[in-house]
PDB file of N, CA and C in Angstrom:
ATOM      1  N   MET A   1      30.607  84.022 143.399  1.00  0.00           N
ATOM      2  CA  MET A   1      31.556  84.360 142.415  1.00  0.00           C
ATOM      3  C   MET A   1      32.924  83.795 142.768  1.00  0.00           C
ATOM      4  N   VAL A   2      33.561  83.261 141.791  1.00  0.00           N
ATOM      5  CA  VAL A   2      34.922  82.682 141.906  1.00  0.00           C
ATOM      6  C   VAL A   2      35.837  83.639 141.077  1.00  0.00           C
ATOM      7  N   GLY A   3      36.810  84.221 141.817  1.00  0.00           N
ATOM      8  CA  GLY A   3      37.663  85.129 141.153  1.00  0.00           C
ATOM      9  C   GLY A   3      39.160  84.709 141.464  1.00  0.00           C
ATOM     10  N   GLY A   4      40.073  85.574 141.118  1.00  0.00           N
ATOM     11  CA  GLY A   4      41.481  85.279 141.381  1.00  0.00           C
ATOM     12  C   GLY A   4      41.931  84.112 140.511  1.00  0.00           C
ATOM     13  N   GLY A   5      43.006  83.510 140.966  1.00  0.00           N
ATOM     14  CA  GLY A   5      43.548  82.429 140.187  1.00  0.00           C
ATOM     15  C   GLY A   5      42.661  81.193 140.133  1.00  0.00           C
ATOM     16  N   LEU A   6      41.796  80.995 141.166  1.00  0.00           N
ATOM     17  CA  LEU A   6      40.850  79.895 141.166  1.00  0.00           C
ATOM     18  C   LEU A   6      39.917  79.975 139.993  1.00  0.00           C
ATOM     19  N   SER A   7      39.629  81.096 139.481  1.00  0.00           N
ATOM     20  CA  SER A   7      38.676  81.279 138.399  1.00  0.00           C
ATOM     21  C   SER A   7      39.180  80.626 137.057  1.00  0.00           C
ATOM     22  N   ASN A   8      40.489  80.330 136.996  1.00  0.00           N
ATOM     23  CA  ASN A   8      41.038  79.728 135.834  1.00  0.00           C
ATOM     24  C   ASN A   8      40.924  78.214 135.799  1.00  0.00           C
ATOM     25  N   PHE A   9      40.461  77.604 136.890  1.00  0.00           N
ATOM     26  CA  PHE A   9      40.258  76.152 137.002  1.00  0.00           C
ATOM     27  C   PHE A   9      38.896  75.783 136.590  1.00  0.00           C
ATOM     28  N   GLU A  10      38.598  75.446 135.370  1.00  0.00           N
ATOM     29  CA  GLU A  10      37.267  75.217 134.896  1.00  0.00           C
ATOM     30  C   GLU A  10      36.541  74.110 135.678  1.00  0.00           C
ATOM     31  N   LYS A  11      37.282  73.135 136.123  1.00  0.00           N
ATOM     32  CA  LYS A  11      36.600  71.949 136.822  1.00  0.00           C
ATOM     33  C   LYS A  11      35.965  72.404 138.141  1.00  0.00           C
ATOM     34  N   ILE A  12      36.410  73.526 138.707  1.00  0.00           N
ATOM     35  CA  ILE A  12      35.894  73.996 139.973  1.00  0.00           C
ATOM     36  C   ILE A  12      34.327  74.259 139.784  1.00  0.00           C
ATOM     37  N   TYR A  13      33.888  74.699 138.618  1.00  0.00           N
ATOM     38  CA  TYR A  13      32.498  75.003 138.351  1.00  0.00           C
ATOM     39  C   TYR A  13      31.614  73.761 138.377  1.00  0.00           C
ATOM     40  N   GLN A  14      32.230  72.594 138.122  1.00  0.00           N
ATOM     41  CA  GLN A  14      31.459  71.357 138.231  1.00  0.00           C
ATOM     42  C   GLN A  14      31.575  70.737 139.609  1.00  0.00           C
ATOM     43  N   GLU A  15      32.695  70.912 140.253  1.00  0.00           N
ATOM     44  CA  GLU A  15      32.879  70.231 141.517  1.00  0.00           C
ATOM     45  C   GLU A  15      32.298  70.923 142.666  1.00  0.00           C
ATOM     46  N   LEU A  16      32.370  72.274 142.753  1.00  0.00           N
ATOM     47  CA  LEU A  16      31.806  72.993 143.867  1.00  0.00           C
ATOM     48  C   LEU A  16      30.328  72.668 144.143  1.00  0.00           C
ATOM     49  N   PRO A  17      29.492  72.672 143.104  1.00  0.00           N
ATOM     50  CA  PRO A  17      28.051  72.434 143.345  1.00  0.00           C
ATOM     51  C   PRO A  17      27.866  70.984 143.942  1.00  0.00           C
ATOM     52  N   LYS A  18      28.711  70.050 143.630  1.00  0.00           N
ATOM     53  CA  LYS A  18      28.603  68.712 144.143  1.00  0.00           C
ATOM     54  C   LYS A  18      29.033  68.615 145.598  1.00  0.00           C
ATOM     55  N   ARG A  19      30.123  69.319 145.966  1.00  0.00           N
ATOM     56  CA  ARG A  19      30.749  69.199 147.260  1.00  0.00           C
ATOM     57  C   ARG A  19      30.298  70.198 148.331  1.00  0.00           C
ATOM     58  N   LEU A  20      29.860  71.334 147.917  1.00  0.00           N
ATOM     59  CA  LEU A  20      29.517  72.390 148.850  1.00  0.00           C
ATOM     60  C   LEU A  20      28.333  72.024 149.773  1.00  0.00           C
ATOM     61  N   PRO A  21      27.295  71.394 149.313  1.00  0.00           N
ATOM     62  CA  PRO A  21      26.156  71.131 150.149  1.00  0.00           C
ATOM     63  C   PRO A  21      26.442  70.412 151.468  1.00  0.00           C
ATOM     64  N   ALA A  22      27.425  69.615 151.480  1.00  0.00           N
ATOM     65  CA  ALA A  22      27.848  68.877 152.720  1.00  0.00           C
ATOM     66  C   ALA A  22      28.337  69.866 153.805  1.00  0.00           C
ATOM     67  N   HIS A  23      28.666  71.049 153.394  1.00  0.00           N
ATOM     68  CA  HIS A  23      29.216  72.049 154.358  1.00  0.00           C
ATOM     69  C   HIS A  23      28.308  73.195 154.659  1.00  0.00           C
ATOM     70  N   LEU A  24      27.095  73.151 154.098  1.00  0.00           N
ATOM     71  CA  LEU A  24      26.095  74.167 154.334  1.00  0.00           C
ATOM     72  C   LEU A  24      25.122  73.806 155.482  1.00  0.00           C
ATOM     73  N   LEU A  25      24.573  74.799 156.105  1.00  0.00           N
ATOM     74  CA  LEU A  25      23.524  74.522 157.089  1.00  0.00           C
ATOM     75  C   LEU A  25      22.291  74.050 156.290  1.00  0.00           C
ATOM     76  N   ARG A  26      21.406  73.264 156.954  1.00  0.00           N
ATOM     77  CA  ARG A  26      20.218  72.726 156.254  1.00  0.00           C
ATOM     78  C   ARG A  26      19.365  73.843 155.659  1.00  0.00           C
ATOM     79  N   VAL A  27      19.281  74.988 156.322  1.00  0.00           N
ATOM     80  CA  VAL A  27      18.379  76.067 155.847  1.00  0.00           C
ATOM     81  C   VAL A  27      19.025  76.847 154.726  1.00  0.00           C
ATOM     82  N   ALA A  28      20.276  76.610 154.469  1.00  0.00           N
ATOM     83  CA  ALA A  28      20.954  77.358 153.422  1.00  0.00           C
ATOM     84  C   ALA A  28      20.724  76.792 152.066  1.00  0.00           C
ATOM     85  N   ARG A  29      20.654  77.647 151.061  1.00  0.00           N
ATOM     86  CA  ARG A  29      20.521  77.204 149.664  1.00  0.00           C
ATOM     87  C   ARG A  29      21.902  77.294 149.005  1.00  0.00           C
ATOM     88  N   LEU A  30      22.052  76.424 148.065  1.00  0.00           N
ATOM     89  CA  LEU A  30      23.348  76.430 147.325  1.00  0.00           C
ATOM     90  C   LEU A  30      23.449  77.678 146.469  1.00  0.00           C
ATOM     91  N   PRO A  31      24.444  78.523 146.593  1.00  0.00           N
ATOM     92  CA  PRO A  31      24.556  79.710 145.860  1.00  0.00           C
ATOM     93  C   PRO A  31      24.958  79.442 144.417  1.00  0.00           C
ATOM     94  N   ARG A  32      24.677  80.382 143.560  1.00  0.00           N
ATOM     95  CA  ARG A  32      25.103  80.245 142.125  1.00  0.00           C
ATOM     96  C   ARG A  32      26.640  80.294 142.114  1.00  0.00           C
ATOM     97  N   ILE A  33      27.259  79.506 141.394  1.00  0.00           N
ATOM     98  CA  ILE A  33      28.747  79.477 141.327  1.00  0.00           C
ATOM     99  C   ILE A  33      29.113  79.882 139.902  1.00  0.00           C
ATOM    100  N   GLU A  34      29.660  81.084 139.842  1.00  0.00           N
ATOM    101  CA  GLU A  34      29.969  81.658 138.509  1.00  0.00           C
ATOM    102  C   GLU A  34      31.399  82.246 138.504  1.00  0.00           C
ATOM    103  N   LYS A  35      31.949  82.307 137.355  1.00  0.00           N
ATOM    104  CA  LYS A  35      33.277  82.946 137.171  1.00  0.00           C
ATOM    105  C   LYS A  35      33.099  84.436 137.290  1.00  0.00           C
ATOM    106  N   ALA A  36      34.009  85.158 138.006  1.00  0.00           N
ATOM    107  CA  ALA A  36      33.872  86.568 138.142  1.00  0.00           C
ATOM    108  C   ALA A  36      34.070  87.187 136.781  1.00  0.00           C
ATOM    109  N   ARG A  37      33.429  88.294 136.550  1.00  0.00           N
ATOM    110  CA  ARG A  37      33.416  88.922 135.247  1.00  0.00           C
ATOM    111  C   ARG A  37      34.875  89.220 134.730  1.00  0.00           C
ATOM    112  N   TYR A  38      35.689  89.640 135.659  1.00  0.00           N
ATOM    113  CA  TYR A  38      37.030  90.038 135.284  1.00  0.00           C
ATOM    114  C   TYR A  38      38.098  88.946 135.601  1.00  0.00           C
ATOM    115  N   GLY A  39      37.611  87.763 135.919  1.00  0.00           N
ATOM    116  CA  GLY A  39      38.462  86.588 136.143  1.00  0.00           C
ATOM    117  C   GLY A  39      39.590  86.856 137.177  1.00  0.00           C
ATOM    118  N   ASP A  40      40.793  86.529 136.798  1.00  0.00           N
ATOM    119  CA  ASP A  40      41.855  86.623 137.801  1.00  0.00           C
ATOM    120  C   ASP A  40      42.425  88.047 137.941  1.00  0.00           C
ATOM    121  N   SER A  41      41.927  89.042 137.173  1.00  0.00           N
ATOM    122  CA  SER A  41      42.391  90.387 137.316  1.00  0.00           C
ATOM    123  C   SER A  41      41.458  91.300 138.092  1.00  0.00           C
ATOM    124  N   GLY A  42      40.385  90.694 138.666  1.00  0.00           N
ATOM    125  CA  GLY A  42      39.419  91.511 139.402  1.00  0.00           C
ATOM    126  C   GLY A  42      40.027  92.219 140.568  1.00  0.00           C
ATOM    127  N   GLY A  43      40.884  91.552 141.319  1.00  0.00           N
ATOM    128  CA  GLY A  43      41.501  92.181 142.523  1.00  0.00           C
ATOM    129  C   GLY A  43      42.411  93.377 142.164  1.00  0.00           C
ATOM    130  N   VAL A  44      43.081  93.246 141.053  1.00  0.00           N
ATOM    131  CA  VAL A  44      43.956  94.337 140.575  1.00  0.00           C
ATOM    132  C   VAL A  44      43.096  95.500 140.151  1.00  0.00           C
ATOM    133  N   ARG A  45      42.065  95.241 139.437  1.00  0.00           N
ATOM    134  CA  ARG A  45      41.153  96.289 138.997  1.00  0.00           C
ATOM    135  C   ARG A  45      40.536  97.005 140.186  1.00  0.00           C
ATOM    136  N   GLY A  46      40.105  96.221 141.186  1.00  0.00           N
ATOM    137  CA  GLY A  46      39.522  96.821 142.345  1.00  0.00           C
ATOM    138  C   GLY A  46      40.536  97.689 143.166  1.00  0.00           C
ATOM    139  N   ALA A  47      41.745  97.297 143.247  1.00  0.00           N
ATOM    140  CA  ALA A  47      42.753  98.093 143.862  1.00  0.00           C
ATOM    141  C   ALA A  47      42.964  99.391 143.118  1.00  0.00           C
ATOM    142  N   ALA A  48      43.020  99.279 141.774  1.00  0.00           N
ATOM    143  CA  ALA A  48      43.224 100.507 141.012  1.00  0.00           C
ATOM    144  C   ALA A  48      42.103 101.507 141.204  1.00  0.00           C
ATOM    145  N   PHE A  49      40.826 100.932 141.235  1.00  0.00           N
ATOM    146  CA  PHE A  49      39.714 101.880 141.448  1.00  0.00           C
ATOM    147  C   PHE A  49      39.770 102.500 142.825  1.00  0.00           C
ATOM    148  N   LEU A  50      40.157 101.734 143.860  1.00  0.00           N
ATOM    149  CA  LEU A  50      40.216 102.340 145.176  1.00  0.00           C
ATOM    150  C   LEU A  50      41.306 103.441 145.207  1.00  0.00           C
ATOM    151  N   HIS A  51      42.427 103.201 144.554  1.00  0.00           N
ATOM    152  CA  HIS A  51      43.478 104.195 144.495  1.00  0.00           C
ATOM    153  C   HIS A  51      42.932 105.481 143.829  1.00  0.00           C
ATOM    154  N   LEU A  52      42.213 105.296 142.748  1.00  0.00           N
ATOM    155  CA  LEU A  52      41.704 106.481 142.003  1.00  0.00           C
ATOM    156  C   LEU A  52      40.643 107.212 142.863  1.00  0.00           C
ATOM    157  N   ALA A  53      39.856 106.490 143.642  1.00  0.00           N
ATOM    158  CA  ALA A  53      38.802 107.040 144.454  1.00  0.00           C
ATOM    159  C   ALA A  53      39.375 107.919 145.630  1.00  0.00           C
ATOM    160  N   GLU A  54      40.605 107.569 146.041  1.00  0.00           N
ATOM    161  CA  GLU A  54      41.209 108.272 147.145  1.00  0.00           C
ATOM    162  C   GLU A  54      41.787 109.639 146.714  1.00  0.00           C
ATOM    163  N   LYS A  55      41.943 109.862 145.420  1.00  0.00           N
ATOM    164  CA  LYS A  55      42.495 111.107 144.934  1.00  0.00           C
ATOM    165  C   LYS A  55      41.515 112.207 144.763  1.00  0.00           C
TER     166      LYS A  55
END
């Protein structure tokens, strides 16, 4: 999953699958690279849920 501000760069979804294999162990498989469901607001949502869970 790509989240945060990086999720707004559409080209990252074409480039990562091309470039990432050079940095993986041979036994590793290329993971699916997808935009996070909540895009660049996922971290804020997670923080809000954590705050609510503490109450």
